[in-house]
């Protein structure tokens, strides 16, 4: 196995572990919003964004073709647009509206983005 293959395998394994943690955090964030615990939601949401950023920083390890690259770029743009929508709604400070924006828009685009990273 070449060094590049070993590095890709290591990065992929760490990414999969991080994704499992992020997916679990999404469940907790939804629960916090259901319970109107915004003060607990925001730190976890920040960690969610940092994890997504860490995955995005290493996406080139998952890419094997131009079509993969294009798919990831498109999924990243969709996630960024969903985040912008979420951010506008989050400014309201209303937990039910934030929860709806999270579950109806941000989480589905996160899952699509995640699938784009690992679909090859």
PDB file of N, CA and C in Angstrom:
ATOM      1  N   UNK A   1       0.854  -1.180   0.000  1.00  0.00           N
ATOM      2  CA  UNK A   1       0.000   0.000   0.000  1.00  0.00           C
ATOM      3  C   UNK A   1       0.896   1.238   0.000  1.00  0.00           C
ATOM      4  N   UNK A   2       0.574   2.210  -0.809  1.00  0.00           N
ATOM      5  CA  UNK A   2       1.347   3.443  -0.908  1.00  0.00           C
ATOM      6  C   UNK A   2       1.013   4.378   0.246  1.00  0.00           C
ATOM      7  N   UNK A   3       1.933   5.319   0.492  1.00  0.00           N
ATOM      8  CA  UNK A   3       1.717   6.293   1.563  1.00  0.00           C
ATOM      9  C   UNK A   3       0.426   7.078   1.366  1.00  0.00           C
ATOM     10  N   UNK A   4       0.121   7.433   0.127  1.00  0.00           N
ATOM     11  CA  UNK A   4      -1.110   8.192  -0.152  1.00  0.00           C
ATOM     12  C   UNK A   4      -2.345   7.368   0.198  1.00  0.00           C
ATOM     13  N   UNK A   5      -2.298   6.064  -0.083  1.00  0.00           N
ATOM     14  CA  UNK A   5      -3.426   5.192   0.255  1.00  0.00           C
ATOM     15  C   UNK A   5      -3.586   5.058   1.762  1.00  0.00           C
ATOM     16  N   UNK A   6      -2.466   4.947   2.450  1.00  0.00           N
ATOM     17  CA  UNK A   6      -2.502   4.850   3.911  1.00  0.00           C
ATOM     18  C   UNK A   6      -3.078   6.129   4.499  1.00  0.00           C
ATOM     19  N   UNK A   7      -2.620   7.274   4.007  1.00  0.00           N
ATOM     20  CA  UNK A   7      -3.118   8.565   4.486  1.00  0.00           C
ATOM     21  C   UNK A   7      -4.618   8.685   4.223  1.00  0.00           C
ATOM     22  N   UNK A   8      -5.056   8.305   3.025  1.00  0.00           N
ATOM     23  CA  UNK A   8      -6.481   8.384   2.688  1.00  0.00           C
ATOM     24  C   UNK A   8      -7.295   7.481   3.619  1.00  0.00           C
ATOM     25  N   UNK A   9      -6.798   6.280   3.878  1.00  0.00           N
ATOM     26  CA  UNK A   9      -7.504   5.368   4.774  1.00  0.00           C
ATOM     27  C   UNK A   9      -7.592   5.932   6.188  1.00  0.00           C
ATOM     28  N   UNK A  10      -6.503   6.539   6.668  1.00  0.00           N
ATOM     29  CA  UNK A  10      -6.501   7.140   8.007  1.00  0.00           C
ATOM     30  C   UNK A  10      -7.486   8.303   8.089  1.00  0.00           C
ATOM     31  N   UNK A  11      -7.438   9.172   7.101  1.00  0.00           N
ATOM     32  CA  UNK A  11      -8.329  10.334   7.083  1.00  0.00           C
ATOM     33  C   UNK A  11      -9.781   9.880   6.982  1.00  0.00           C
ATOM     34  N   UNK A  12     -10.030   8.892   6.135  1.00  0.00           N
ATOM     35  CA  UNK A  12     -11.395   8.390   5.976  1.00  0.00           C
ATOM     36  C   UNK A  12     -11.900   7.786   7.276  1.00  0.00           C
ATOM     37  N   UNK A  13     -11.080   7.004   7.955  1.00  0.00           N
ATOM     38  CA  UNK A  13     -11.494   6.397   9.222  1.00  0.00           C
ATOM     39  C   UNK A  13     -11.818   7.470  10.261  1.00  0.00           C
ATOM     40  N   UNK A  14     -10.963   8.470  10.380  1.00  0.00           N
ATOM     41  CA  UNK A  14     -11.223   9.558  11.332  1.00  0.00           C
ATOM     42  C   UNK A  14     -12.471  10.334  10.941  1.00  0.00           C
ATOM     43  N   UNK A  15     -12.665  10.537   9.649  1.00  0.00           N
ATOM     44  CA  UNK A  15     -13.858  11.251   9.181  1.00  0.00           C
ATOM     45  C   UNK A  15     -15.120  10.471   9.517  1.00  0.00           C
ATOM     46  N   UNK A  16     -15.097   9.175   9.324  1.00  0.00           N
ATOM     47  CA  UNK A  16     -16.268   8.355   9.644  1.00  0.00           C
ATOM     48  C   UNK A  16     -16.580   8.391  11.137  1.00  0.00           C
ATOM     49  N   UNK A  17     -15.546   8.387  11.963  1.00  0.00           N
ATOM     50  CA  UNK A  17     -15.750   8.503  13.410  1.00  0.00           C
ATOM     51  C   UNK A  17     -16.348   9.865  13.758  1.00  0.00           C
ATOM     52  N   UNK A  18     -15.830  10.913  13.132  1.00  0.00           N
ATOM     53  CA  UNK A  18     -16.340  12.258  13.375  1.00  0.00           C
ATOM     54  C   UNK A  18     -17.791  12.374  12.918  1.00  0.00           C
ATOM     55  N   UNK A  19     -18.115  11.797  11.788  1.00  0.00           N
ATOM     56  CA  UNK A  19     -19.490  11.841  11.283  1.00  0.00           C
ATOM     57  C   UNK A  19     -20.437  11.139  12.245  1.00  0.00           C
ATOM     58  N   UNK A  20     -20.034  10.019  12.798  1.00  0.00           N
ATOM     59  CA  UNK A  20     -20.889   9.324  13.766  1.00  0.00           C
ATOM     60  C   UNK A  20     -21.165  10.222  14.966  1.00  0.00           C
ATOM     61  N   UNK A  21     -20.155  10.941  15.418  1.00  0.00           N
ATOM     62  CA  UNK A  21     -20.320  11.870  16.535  1.00  0.00           C
ATOM     63  C   UNK A  21     -21.234  13.024  16.149  1.00  0.00           C
ATOM     64  N   UNK A  22     -21.055  13.549  14.959  1.00  0.00           N
ATOM     65  CA  UNK A  22     -21.895  14.657  14.484  1.00  0.00           C
ATOM     66  C   UNK A  22     -23.348  14.207  14.373  1.00  0.00           C
ATOM     67  N   UNK A  23     -23.571  13.032  13.827  1.00  0.00           N
ATOM     68  CA  UNK A  23     -24.938  12.529  13.691  1.00  0.00           C
ATOM     69  C   UNK A  23     -25.611  12.386  15.058  1.00  0.00           C
ATOM     70  N   UNK A  24     -24.866  11.931  16.035  1.00  0.00           N
ATOM     71  CA  UNK A  24     -25.401  11.829  17.398  1.00  0.00           C
ATOM     72  C   UNK A  24     -25.681  13.219  17.969  1.00  0.00           C
ATOM     73  N   UNK A  25     -24.810  14.164  17.691  1.00  0.00           N
ATOM     74  CA  UNK A  25     -25.006  15.535  18.178  1.00  0.00           C
ATOM     75  C   UNK A  25     -26.276  16.148  17.597  1.00  0.00           C
ATOM     76  N   UNK A  26     -26.595  15.830  16.353  1.00  0.00           N
ATOM     77  CA  UNK A  26     -27.823  16.357  15.745  1.00  0.00           C
ATOM     78  C   UNK A  26     -29.058  15.922  16.526  1.00  0.00           C
ATOM     79  N   UNK A  27     -29.053  14.702  17.010  1.00  0.00           N
ATOM     80  CA  UNK A  27     -30.172  14.205  17.822  1.00  0.00           C
ATOM     81  C   UNK A  27     -30.267  15.009  19.113  1.00  0.00           C
ATOM     82  N   UNK A  28     -29.135  15.257  19.752  1.00  0.00           N
ATOM     83  CA  UNK A  28     -29.119  16.027  21.004  1.00  0.00           C
ATOM     84  C   UNK A  28     -29.530  17.477  20.770  1.00  0.00           C
ATOM     85  N   UNK A  29     -29.094  18.058  19.658  1.00  0.00           N
ATOM     86  CA  UNK A  29     -29.474  19.445  19.369  1.00  0.00           C
ATOM     87  C   UNK A  29     -30.982  19.553  19.184  1.00  0.00           C
ATOM     88  N   UNK A  30     -31.580  18.597  18.504  1.00  0.00           N
ATOM     89  CA  UNK A  30     -33.029  18.607  18.318  1.00  0.00           C
ATOM     90  C   UNK A  30     -33.736  18.505  19.671  1.00  0.00           C
ATOM     91  N   UNK A  31     -33.231  17.645  20.526  1.00  0.00           N
ATOM     92  CA  UNK A  31     -33.828  17.488  21.862  1.00  0.00           C
ATOM     93  C   UNK A  31     -33.721  18.790  22.654  1.00  0.00           C
ATOM     94  N   UNK A  32     -32.581  19.433  22.588  1.00  0.00           N
ATOM     95  CA  UNK A  32     -32.405  20.693  23.315  1.00  0.00           C
ATOM     96  C   UNK A  32     -33.379  21.752  22.821  1.00  0.00           C
ATOM     97  N   UNK A  33     -33.618  21.791  21.534  1.00  0.00           N
ATOM     98  CA  UNK A  33     -34.575  22.762  21.002  1.00  0.00           C
ATOM     99  C   UNK A  33     -36.003  22.402  21.408  1.00  0.00           C
ATOM    100  N   UNK A  34     -36.319  21.119  21.415  1.00  0.00           N
ATOM    101  CA  UNK A  34     -37.645  20.683  21.861  1.00  0.00           C
ATOM    102  C   UNK A  34     -37.883  21.122  23.300  1.00  0.00           C
ATOM    103  N   UNK A  35     -36.842  21.055  24.100  1.00  0.00           N
ATOM    104  CA  UNK A  35     -36.930  21.435  25.515  1.00  0.00           C
ATOM    105  C   UNK A  35     -36.682  22.928  25.729  1.00  0.00           C
ATOM    106  N   UNK A  36     -36.571  23.678  24.626  1.00  0.00           N
ATOM    107  CA  UNK A  36     -36.349  25.133  24.677  1.00  0.00           C
ATOM    108  C   UNK A  36     -35.075  25.504  25.432  1.00  0.00           C
ATOM    109  N   UNK A  37     -34.048  24.680  25.303  1.00  0.00           N
ATOM    110  CA  UNK A  37     -32.775  24.917  25.985  1.00  0.00           C
ATOM    111  C   UNK A  37     -31.758  25.503  24.999  1.00  0.00           C
ATOM    112  N   UNK A  38     -32.013  26.726  24.578  1.00  0.00           N
ATOM    113  CA  UNK A  38     -31.126  27.370  23.604  1.00  0.00           C
ATOM    114  C   UNK A  38     -29.712  27.549  24.141  1.00  0.00           C
ATOM    115  N   UNK A  39     -29.587  27.794  25.433  1.00  0.00           N
ATOM    116  CA  UNK A  39     -28.253  28.003  26.008  1.00  0.00           C
ATOM    117  C   UNK A  39     -27.392  26.749  25.876  1.00  0.00           C
ATOM    118  N   UNK A  40     -28.008  25.570  25.838  1.00  0.00           N
ATOM    119  CA  UNK A  40     -27.269  24.324  25.637  1.00  0.00           C
ATOM    120  C   UNK A  40     -27.106  23.993  24.154  1.00  0.00           C
ATOM    121  N   UNK A  41     -28.034  24.485  23.349  1.00  0.00           N
ATOM    122  CA  UNK A  41     -28.007  24.207  21.913  1.00  0.00           C
ATOM    123  C   UNK A  41     -26.827  24.880  21.214  1.00  0.00           C
ATOM    124  N   UNK A  42     -26.601  26.158  21.498  1.00  0.00           N
ATOM    125  CA  UNK A  42     -25.618  26.925  20.722  1.00  0.00           C
ATOM    126  C   UNK A  42     -24.194  26.392  20.804  1.00  0.00           C
ATOM    127  N   UNK A  43     -23.688  25.986  21.988  1.00  0.00           N
ATOM    128  CA  UNK A  43     -22.327  25.422  21.994  1.00  0.00           C
ATOM    129  C   UNK A  43     -22.223  24.131  21.170  1.00  0.00           C
ATOM    130  N   UNK A  44     -23.252  23.301  21.236  1.00  0.00           N
ATOM    131  CA  UNK A  44     -23.238  22.066  20.457  1.00  0.00           C
ATOM    132  C   UNK A  44     -23.355  22.362  18.963  1.00  0.00           C
ATOM    133  N   UNK A  45     -24.134  23.374  18.623  1.00  0.00           N
ATOM    134  CA  UNK A  45     -24.251  23.771  17.219  1.00  0.00           C
ATOM    135  C   UNK A  45     -22.908  24.287  16.705  1.00  0.00           C
ATOM    136  N   UNK A  46     -22.209  25.049  17.525  1.00  0.00           N
ATOM    137  CA  UNK A  46     -20.873  25.528  17.137  1.00  0.00           C
ATOM    138  C   UNK A  46     -19.950  24.338  16.879  1.00  0.00           C
ATOM    139  N   UNK A  47     -19.991  23.332  17.746  1.00  0.00           N
ATOM    140  CA  UNK A  47     -19.166  22.144  17.558  1.00  0.00           C
ATOM    141  C   UNK A  47     -19.548  21.402  16.272  1.00  0.00           C
ATOM    142  N   UNK A  48     -20.844  21.384  15.967  1.00  0.00           N
ATOM    143  CA  UNK A  48     -21.319  20.784  14.717  1.00  0.00           C
ATOM    144  C   UNK A  48     -20.671  21.485  13.522  1.00  0.00           C
ATOM    145  N   UNK A  49     -20.694  22.811  13.525  1.00  0.00           N
ATOM    146  CA  UNK A  49     -20.099  23.561  12.414  1.00  0.00           C
ATOM    147  C   UNK A  49     -18.593  23.342  12.325  1.00  0.00           C
ATOM    148  N   UNK A  50     -17.920  23.270  13.467  1.00  0.00           N
ATOM    149  CA  UNK A  50     -16.473  23.017  13.463  1.00  0.00           C
ATOM    150  C   UNK A  50     -16.162  21.633  12.900  1.00  0.00           C
ATOM    151  N   UNK A  51     -16.989  20.652  13.234  1.00  0.00           N
ATOM    152  CA  UNK A  51     -16.788  19.299  12.712  1.00  0.00           C
ATOM    153  C   UNK A  51     -16.996  19.267  11.199  1.00  0.00           C
ATOM    154  N   UNK A  52     -18.032  19.938  10.732  1.00  0.00           N
ATOM    155  CA  UNK A  52     -18.270  20.010   9.286  1.00  0.00           C
ATOM    156  C   UNK A  52     -17.081  20.691   8.607  1.00  0.00           C
ATOM    157  N   UNK A  53     -16.566  21.740   9.217  1.00  0.00           N
ATOM    158  CA  UNK A  53     -15.405  22.434   8.651  1.00  0.00           C
ATOM    159  C   UNK A  53     -14.188  21.509   8.602  1.00  0.00           C
ATOM    160  N   UNK A  54     -13.989  20.714   9.648  1.00  0.00           N
ATOM    161  CA  UNK A  54     -12.860  19.776   9.661  1.00  0.00           C
ATOM    162  C   UNK A  54     -13.002  18.745   8.543  1.00  0.00           C
ATOM    163  N   UNK A  55     -14.215  18.263   8.340  1.00  0.00           N
ATOM    164  CA  UNK A  55     -14.448  17.324   7.243  1.00  0.00           C
ATOM    165  C   UNK A  55     -14.202  17.998   5.898  1.00  0.00           C
ATOM    166  N   UNK A  56     -14.668  19.209   5.762  1.00  0.00           N
ATOM    167  CA  UNK A  56     -14.508  19.942   4.504  1.00  0.00           C
ATOM    168  C   UNK A  56     -13.038  20.224   4.209  1.00  0.00           C
ATOM    169  N   UNK A  57     -12.260  20.481   5.247  1.00  0.00           N
ATOM    170  CA  UNK A  57     -10.841  20.772   5.048  1.00  0.00           C
ATOM    171  C   UNK A  57     -10.082  19.589   4.458  1.00  0.00           C
ATOM    172  N   UNK A  58     -10.595  18.391   4.656  1.00  0.00           N
ATOM    173  CA  UNK A  58      -9.902  17.188   4.189  1.00  0.00           C
ATOM    174  C   UNK A  58     -10.610  16.491   3.033  1.00  0.00           C
ATOM    175  N   UNK A  59     -11.568  17.155   2.416  1.00  0.00           N
ATOM    176  CA  UNK A  59     -12.375  16.483   1.401  1.00  0.00           C
ATOM    177  C   UNK A  59     -11.569  15.994   0.211  1.00  0.00           C
ATOM    178  N   UNK A  60     -10.430  16.610  -0.064  1.00  0.00           N
ATOM    179  CA  UNK A  60      -9.662  16.180  -1.230  1.00  0.00           C
ATOM    180  C   UNK A  60      -9.175  14.734  -1.095  1.00  0.00           C
ATOM    181  N   UNK A  61      -9.129  14.228   0.130  1.00  0.00           N
ATOM    182  CA  UNK A  61      -8.725  12.832   0.318  1.00  0.00           C
ATOM    183  C   UNK A  61      -9.789  11.856  -0.174  1.00  0.00           C
ATOM    184  N   UNK A  62     -11.030  12.321  -0.259  1.00  0.00           N
ATOM    185  CA  UNK A  62     -12.116  11.438  -0.665  1.00  0.00           C
ATOM    186  C   UNK A  62     -12.356  11.481  -2.169  1.00  0.00           C
ATOM    187  N   UNK A  63     -11.770  12.438  -2.855  1.00  0.00           N
ATOM    188  CA  UNK A  63     -12.090  12.689  -4.258  1.00  0.00           C
ATOM    189  C   UNK A  63     -11.200  11.847  -5.164  1.00  0.00           C
ATOM    190  N   UNK A  64     -11.831  11.164  -6.101  1.00  0.00           N
ATOM    191  CA  UNK A  64     -11.054  10.361  -7.046  1.00  0.00           C
ATOM    192  C   UNK A  64     -11.283  10.779  -8.489  1.00  0.00           C
ATOM    193  N   UNK A  65     -12.260  11.641  -8.734  1.00  0.00           N
ATOM    194  CA  UNK A  65     -12.528  12.047 -10.117  1.00  0.00           C
ATOM    195  C   UNK A  65     -13.118  13.454 -10.152  1.00  0.00           C
ATOM    196  N   UNK A  66     -13.141  14.022 -11.346  1.00  0.00           N
ATOM    197  CA  UNK A  66     -13.735  15.350 -11.514  1.00  0.00           C
ATOM    198  C   UNK A  66     -15.226  15.338 -11.209  1.00  0.00           C
ATOM    199  N   UNK A  67     -15.907  14.250 -11.539  1.00  0.00           N
ATOM    200  CA  UNK A  67     -17.344  14.188 -11.238  1.00  0.00           C
ATOM    201  C   UNK A  67     -17.573  14.163  -9.723  1.00  0.00           C
ATOM    202  N   UNK A  68     -16.683  13.481  -8.979  1.00  0.00           N
ATOM    203  CA  UNK A  68     -16.776  13.497  -7.511  1.00  0.00           C
ATOM    204  C   UNK A  68     -16.579  14.917  -6.999  1.00  0.00           C
ATOM    205  N   UNK A  69     -15.581  15.575  -7.538  1.00  0.00           N
ATOM    206  CA  UNK A  69     -15.269  16.943  -7.119  1.00  0.00           C
ATOM    207  C   UNK A  69     -16.473  17.862  -7.363  1.00  0.00           C
ATOM    208  N   UNK A  70     -17.075  17.753  -8.530  1.00  0.00           N
ATOM    209  CA  UNK A  70     -18.225  18.592  -8.863  1.00  0.00           C
ATOM    210  C   UNK A  70     -19.403  18.300  -7.933  1.00  0.00           C
ATOM    211  N   UNK A  71     -19.639  17.034  -7.658  1.00  0.00           N
ATOM    212  CA  UNK A  71     -20.730  16.645  -6.760  1.00  0.00           C
ATOM    213  C   UNK A  71     -20.520  17.238  -5.364  1.00  0.00           C
ATOM    214  N   UNK A  72     -19.281  17.198  -4.876  1.00  0.00           N
ATOM    215  CA  UNK A  72     -18.976  17.734  -3.551  1.00  0.00           C
ATOM    216  C   UNK A  72     -19.128  19.248  -3.540  1.00  0.00           C
ATOM    217  N   UNK A  73     -18.659  19.907  -4.579  1.00  0.00           N
ATOM    218  CA  UNK A  73     -18.790  21.368  -4.666  1.00  0.00           C
ATOM    219  C   UNK A  73     -20.263  21.763  -4.649  1.00  0.00           C
ATOM    220  N   UNK A  74     -21.084  21.070  -5.417  1.00  0.00           N
ATOM    221  CA  UNK A  74     -22.518  21.383  -5.452  1.00  0.00           C
ATOM    222  C   UNK A  74     -23.178  21.133  -4.097  1.00  0.00           C
ATOM    223  N   UNK A  75     -22.825  20.034  -3.448  1.00  0.00           N
ATOM    224  CA  UNK A  75     -23.390  19.733  -2.130  1.00  0.00           C
ATOM    225  C   UNK A  75     -22.931  20.757  -1.096  1.00  0.00           C
ATOM    226  N   UNK A  76     -21.694  21.215  -1.217  1.00  0.00           N
ATOM    227  CA  UNK A  76     -21.176  22.231  -0.299  1.00  0.00           C
ATOM    228  C   UNK A  76     -21.909  23.552  -0.492  1.00  0.00           C
ATOM    229  N   UNK A  77     -22.162  23.922  -1.722  1.00  0.00           N
ATOM    230  CA  UNK A  77     -22.926  25.152  -1.988  1.00  0.00           C
ATOM    231  C   UNK A  77     -24.334  25.053  -1.408  1.00  0.00           C
ATOM    232  N   UNK A  78     -24.974  23.905  -1.568  1.00  0.00           N
ATOM    233  CA  UNK A  78     -26.327  23.718  -1.029  1.00  0.00           C
ATOM    234  C   UNK A  78     -26.317  23.806   0.492  1.00  0.00           C
ATOM    235  N   UNK A  79     -25.293  23.210   1.124  1.00  0.00           N
ATOM    236  CA  UNK A  79     -25.191  23.282   2.582  1.00  0.00           C
ATOM    237  C   UNK A  79     -24.971  24.726   3.022  1.00  0.00           C
ATOM    238  N   UNK A  80     -24.112  25.445   2.326  1.00  0.00           N
ATOM    239  CA  UNK A  80     -23.857  26.852   2.667  1.00  0.00           C
ATOM    240  C   UNK A  80     -25.126  27.683   2.530  1.00  0.00           C
ATOM    241  N   UNK A  81     -25.900  27.446   1.493  1.00  0.00           N
ATOM    242  CA  UNK A  81     -27.162  28.175   1.310  1.00  0.00           C
ATOM    243  C   UNK A  81     -28.145  27.840   2.429  1.00  0.00           C
ATOM    244  N   UNK A  82     -28.208  26.570   2.809  1.00  0.00           N
ATOM    245  CA  UNK A  82     -29.091  26.164   3.906  1.00  0.00           C
ATOM    246  C   UNK A  82     -28.640  26.805   5.212  1.00  0.00           C
ATOM    247  N   UNK A  83     -27.323  26.876   5.409  1.00  0.00           N
ATOM    248  CA  UNK A  83     -26.819  27.528   6.619  1.00  0.00           C
ATOM    249  C   UNK A  83     -27.200  29.006   6.636  1.00  0.00           C
ATOM    250  N   UNK A  84     -27.088  29.677   5.509  1.00  0.00           N
ATOM    251  CA  UNK A  84     -27.474  31.093   5.443  1.00  0.00           C
ATOM    252  C   UNK A  84     -28.940  31.274   5.823  1.00  0.00           C
ATOM    253  N   UNK A  85     -29.802  30.402   5.320  1.00  0.00           N
ATOM    254  CA  UNK A  85     -31.223  30.456   5.684  1.00  0.00           C
ATOM    255  C   UNK A  85     -31.402  30.207   7.179  1.00  0.00           C
ATOM    256  N   UNK A  86     -30.705  29.193   7.686  1.00  0.00           N
ATOM    257  CA  UNK A  86     -30.784  28.868   9.106  1.00  0.00           C
ATOM    258  C   UNK A  86     -30.341  30.054   9.948  1.00  0.00           C
ATOM    259  N   UNK A  87     -29.250  30.688   9.552  1.00  0.00           N
ATOM    260  CA  UNK A  87     -28.693  31.807  10.307  1.00  0.00           C
ATOM    261  C   UNK A  87     -29.692  32.956  10.416  1.00  0.00           C
ATOM    262  N   UNK A  88     -30.391  33.243   9.348  1.00  0.00           N
ATOM    263  CA  UNK A  88     -31.399  34.309   9.377  1.00  0.00           C
ATOM    264  C   UNK A  88     -32.524  33.968  10.348  1.00  0.00           C
ATOM    265  N   UNK A  89     -32.962  32.728  10.324  1.00  0.00           N
ATOM    266  CA  UNK A  89     -34.036  32.303  11.226  1.00  0.00           C
ATOM    267  C   UNK A  89     -33.535  32.251  12.667  1.00  0.00           C
ATOM    268  N   UNK A  90     -32.296  31.832  12.856  1.00  0.00           N
ATOM    269  CA  UNK A  90     -31.734  31.726  14.206  1.00  0.00           C
ATOM    270  C   UNK A  90     -31.668  33.075  14.901  1.00  0.00           C
ATOM    271  N   UNK A  91     -31.543  34.133  14.120  1.00  0.00           N
ATOM    272  CA  UNK A  91     -31.486  35.475  14.702  1.00  0.00           C
ATOM    273  C   UNK A  91     -32.763  35.818  15.458  1.00  0.00           C
ATOM    274  N   UNK A  92     -33.845  35.116  15.162  1.00  0.00           N
ATOM    275  CA  UNK A  92     -35.114  35.363  15.858  1.00  0.00           C
ATOM    276  C   UNK A  92     -35.048  34.952  17.319  1.00  0.00           C
ATOM    277  N   UNK A  93     -34.187  33.983  17.630  1.00  0.00           N
ATOM    278  CA  UNK A  93     -34.087  33.492  18.995  1.00  0.00           C
ATOM    279  C   UNK A  93     -35.252  32.610  19.414  1.00  0.00           C
ATOM    280  N   UNK A  94     -36.097  32.246  18.479  1.00  0.00           N
ATOM    281  CA  UNK A  94     -37.269  31.419  18.772  1.00  0.00           C
ATOM    282  C   UNK A  94     -36.930  29.941  18.547  1.00  0.00           C
ATOM    283  N   UNK A  95     -36.894  29.181  19.637  1.00  0.00           N
ATOM    284  CA  UNK A  95     -36.498  27.773  19.553  1.00  0.00           C
ATOM    285  C   UNK A  95     -37.322  26.975  18.542  1.00  0.00           C
ATOM    286  N   UNK A  96     -38.654  27.104  18.502  1.00  0.00           N
ATOM    287  CA  UNK A  96     -39.411  26.309  17.519  1.00  0.00           C
ATOM    288  C   UNK A  96     -39.032  26.638  16.069  1.00  0.00           C
ATOM    289  N   UNK A  97     -38.812  27.906  15.771  1.00  0.00           N
ATOM    290  CA  UNK A  97     -38.417  28.297  14.412  1.00  0.00           C
ATOM    291  C   UNK A  97     -37.013  27.786  14.095  1.00  0.00           C
ATOM    292  N   UNK A  98     -36.127  27.863  15.064  1.00  0.00           N
ATOM    293  CA  UNK A  98     -34.757  27.370  14.883  1.00  0.00           C
ATOM    294  C   UNK A  98     -34.782  25.861  14.649  1.00  0.00           C
ATOM    295  N   UNK A  99     -35.597  25.164  15.437  1.00  0.00           N
ATOM    296  CA  UNK A  99     -35.705  23.710  15.296  1.00  0.00           C
ATOM    297  C   UNK A  99     -36.239  23.333  13.913  1.00  0.00           C
ATOM    298  N   UNK A 100     -37.247  24.045  13.461  1.00  0.00           N
ATOM    299  CA  UNK A 100     -37.799  23.762  12.131  1.00  0.00           C
ATOM    300  C   UNK A 100     -36.753  24.006  11.050  1.00  0.00           C
ATOM    301  N   UNK A 101     -36.016  25.095  11.154  1.00  0.00           N
ATOM    302  CA  UNK A 101     -34.976  25.394  10.164  1.00  0.00           C
ATOM    303  C   UNK A 101     -33.870  24.337  10.192  1.00  0.00           C
ATOM    304  N   UNK A 102     -33.519  23.899  11.385  1.00  0.00           N
ATOM    305  CA  UNK A 102     -32.491  22.872  11.531  1.00  0.00           C
ATOM    306  C   UNK A 102     -32.948  21.568  10.879  1.00  0.00           C
ATOM    307  N   UNK A 103     -34.137  21.114  11.263  1.00  0.00           N
ATOM    308  CA  UNK A 103     -34.614  19.804  10.809  1.00  0.00           C
ATOM    309  C   UNK A 103     -35.102  19.784   9.366  1.00  0.00           C
ATOM    310  N   UNK A 104     -35.685  20.879   8.928  1.00  0.00           N
ATOM    311  CA  UNK A 104     -36.276  20.892   7.589  1.00  0.00           C
ATOM    312  C   UNK A 104     -35.295  21.279   6.492  1.00  0.00           C
ATOM    313  N   UNK A 105     -34.260  21.996   6.844  1.00  0.00           N
ATOM    314  CA  UNK A 105     -33.364  22.501   5.802  1.00  0.00           C
ATOM    315  C   UNK A 105     -31.901  22.129   6.039  1.00  0.00           C
ATOM    316  N   UNK A 106     -31.374  22.454   7.219  1.00  0.00           N
ATOM    317  CA  UNK A 106     -29.942  22.278   7.443  1.00  0.00           C
ATOM    318  C   UNK A 106     -29.550  20.804   7.552  1.00  0.00           C
ATOM    319  N   UNK A 107     -30.286  20.033   8.327  1.00  0.00           N
ATOM    320  CA  UNK A 107     -29.940  18.618   8.503  1.00  0.00           C
ATOM    321  C   UNK A 107     -30.026  17.845   7.178  1.00  0.00           C
ATOM    322  N   UNK A 108     -31.096  18.010   6.390  1.00  0.00           N
ATOM    323  CA  UNK A 108     -31.116  17.282   5.110  1.00  0.00           C
ATOM    324  C   UNK A 108     -29.958  17.656   4.173  1.00  0.00           C
ATOM    325  N   UNK A 109     -29.593  18.927   4.138  1.00  0.00           N
ATOM    326  CA  UNK A 109     -28.472  19.296   3.262  1.00  0.00           C
ATOM    327  C   UNK A 109     -27.148  18.805   3.830  1.00  0.00           C
ATOM    328  N   UNK A 110     -27.043  18.716   5.163  1.00  0.00           N
ATOM    329  CA  UNK A 110     -25.847  18.122   5.775  1.00  0.00           C
ATOM    330  C   UNK A 110     -25.733  16.656   5.344  1.00  0.00           C
ATOM    331  N   UNK A 111     -26.838  15.917   5.426  1.00  0.00           N
ATOM    332  CA  UNK A 111     -26.804  14.501   5.047  1.00  0.00           C
ATOM    333  C   UNK A 111     -26.479  14.329   3.561  1.00  0.00           C
ATOM    334  N   UNK A 112     -26.998  15.196   2.718  1.00  0.00           N
ATOM    335  CA  UNK A 112     -26.672  15.143   1.287  1.00  0.00           C
ATOM    336  C   UNK A 112     -25.196  15.455   1.063  1.00  0.00           C
ATOM    337  N   UNK A 113     -24.682  16.432   1.803  1.00  0.00           N
ATOM    338  CA  UNK A 113     -23.264  16.793   1.700  1.00  0.00           C
ATOM    339  C   UNK A 113     -22.389  15.621   2.145  1.00  0.00           C
ATOM    340  N   UNK A 114     -22.767  15.020   3.271  1.00  0.00           N
ATOM    341  CA  UNK A 114     -22.025  13.870   3.802  1.00  0.00           C
ATOM    342  C   UNK A 114     -22.024  12.730   2.780  1.00  0.00           C
ATOM    343  N   UNK A 115     -23.163  12.468   2.171  1.00  0.00           N
ATOM    344  CA  UNK A 115     -23.246  11.412   1.157  1.00  0.00           C
ATOM    345  C   UNK A 115     -22.363  11.739  -0.044  1.00  0.00           C
ATOM    346  N   UNK A 116     -22.306  12.997  -0.418  1.00  0.00           N
ATOM    347  CA  UNK A 116     -21.458  13.397  -1.548  1.00  0.00           C
ATOM    348  C   UNK A 116     -19.983  13.147  -1.244  1.00  0.00           C
ATOM    349  N   UNK A 117     -19.588  13.346  -0.003  1.00  0.00           N
ATOM    350  CA  UNK A 117     -18.185  13.125   0.363  1.00  0.00           C
ATOM    351  C   UNK A 117     -17.771  11.667   0.210  1.00  0.00           C
ATOM    352  N   UNK A 118     -18.676  10.775   0.549  1.00  0.00           N
ATOM    353  CA  UNK A 118     -18.302   9.362   0.641  1.00  0.00           C
ATOM    354  C   UNK A 118     -18.987   8.466  -0.375  1.00  0.00           C
ATOM    355  N   UNK A 119     -19.500   9.031  -1.451  1.00  0.00           N
ATOM    356  CA  UNK A 119     -20.232   8.197  -2.403  1.00  0.00           C
ATOM    357  C   UNK A 119     -19.342   7.497  -3.420  1.00  0.00           C
ATOM    358  N   UNK A 120     -18.044   7.764  -3.390  1.00  0.00           N
ATOM    359  CA  UNK A 120     -17.186   7.103  -4.384  1.00  0.00           C
ATOM    360  C   UNK A 120     -16.680   5.773  -3.899  1.00  0.00           C
TER     361      UNK A 120
END
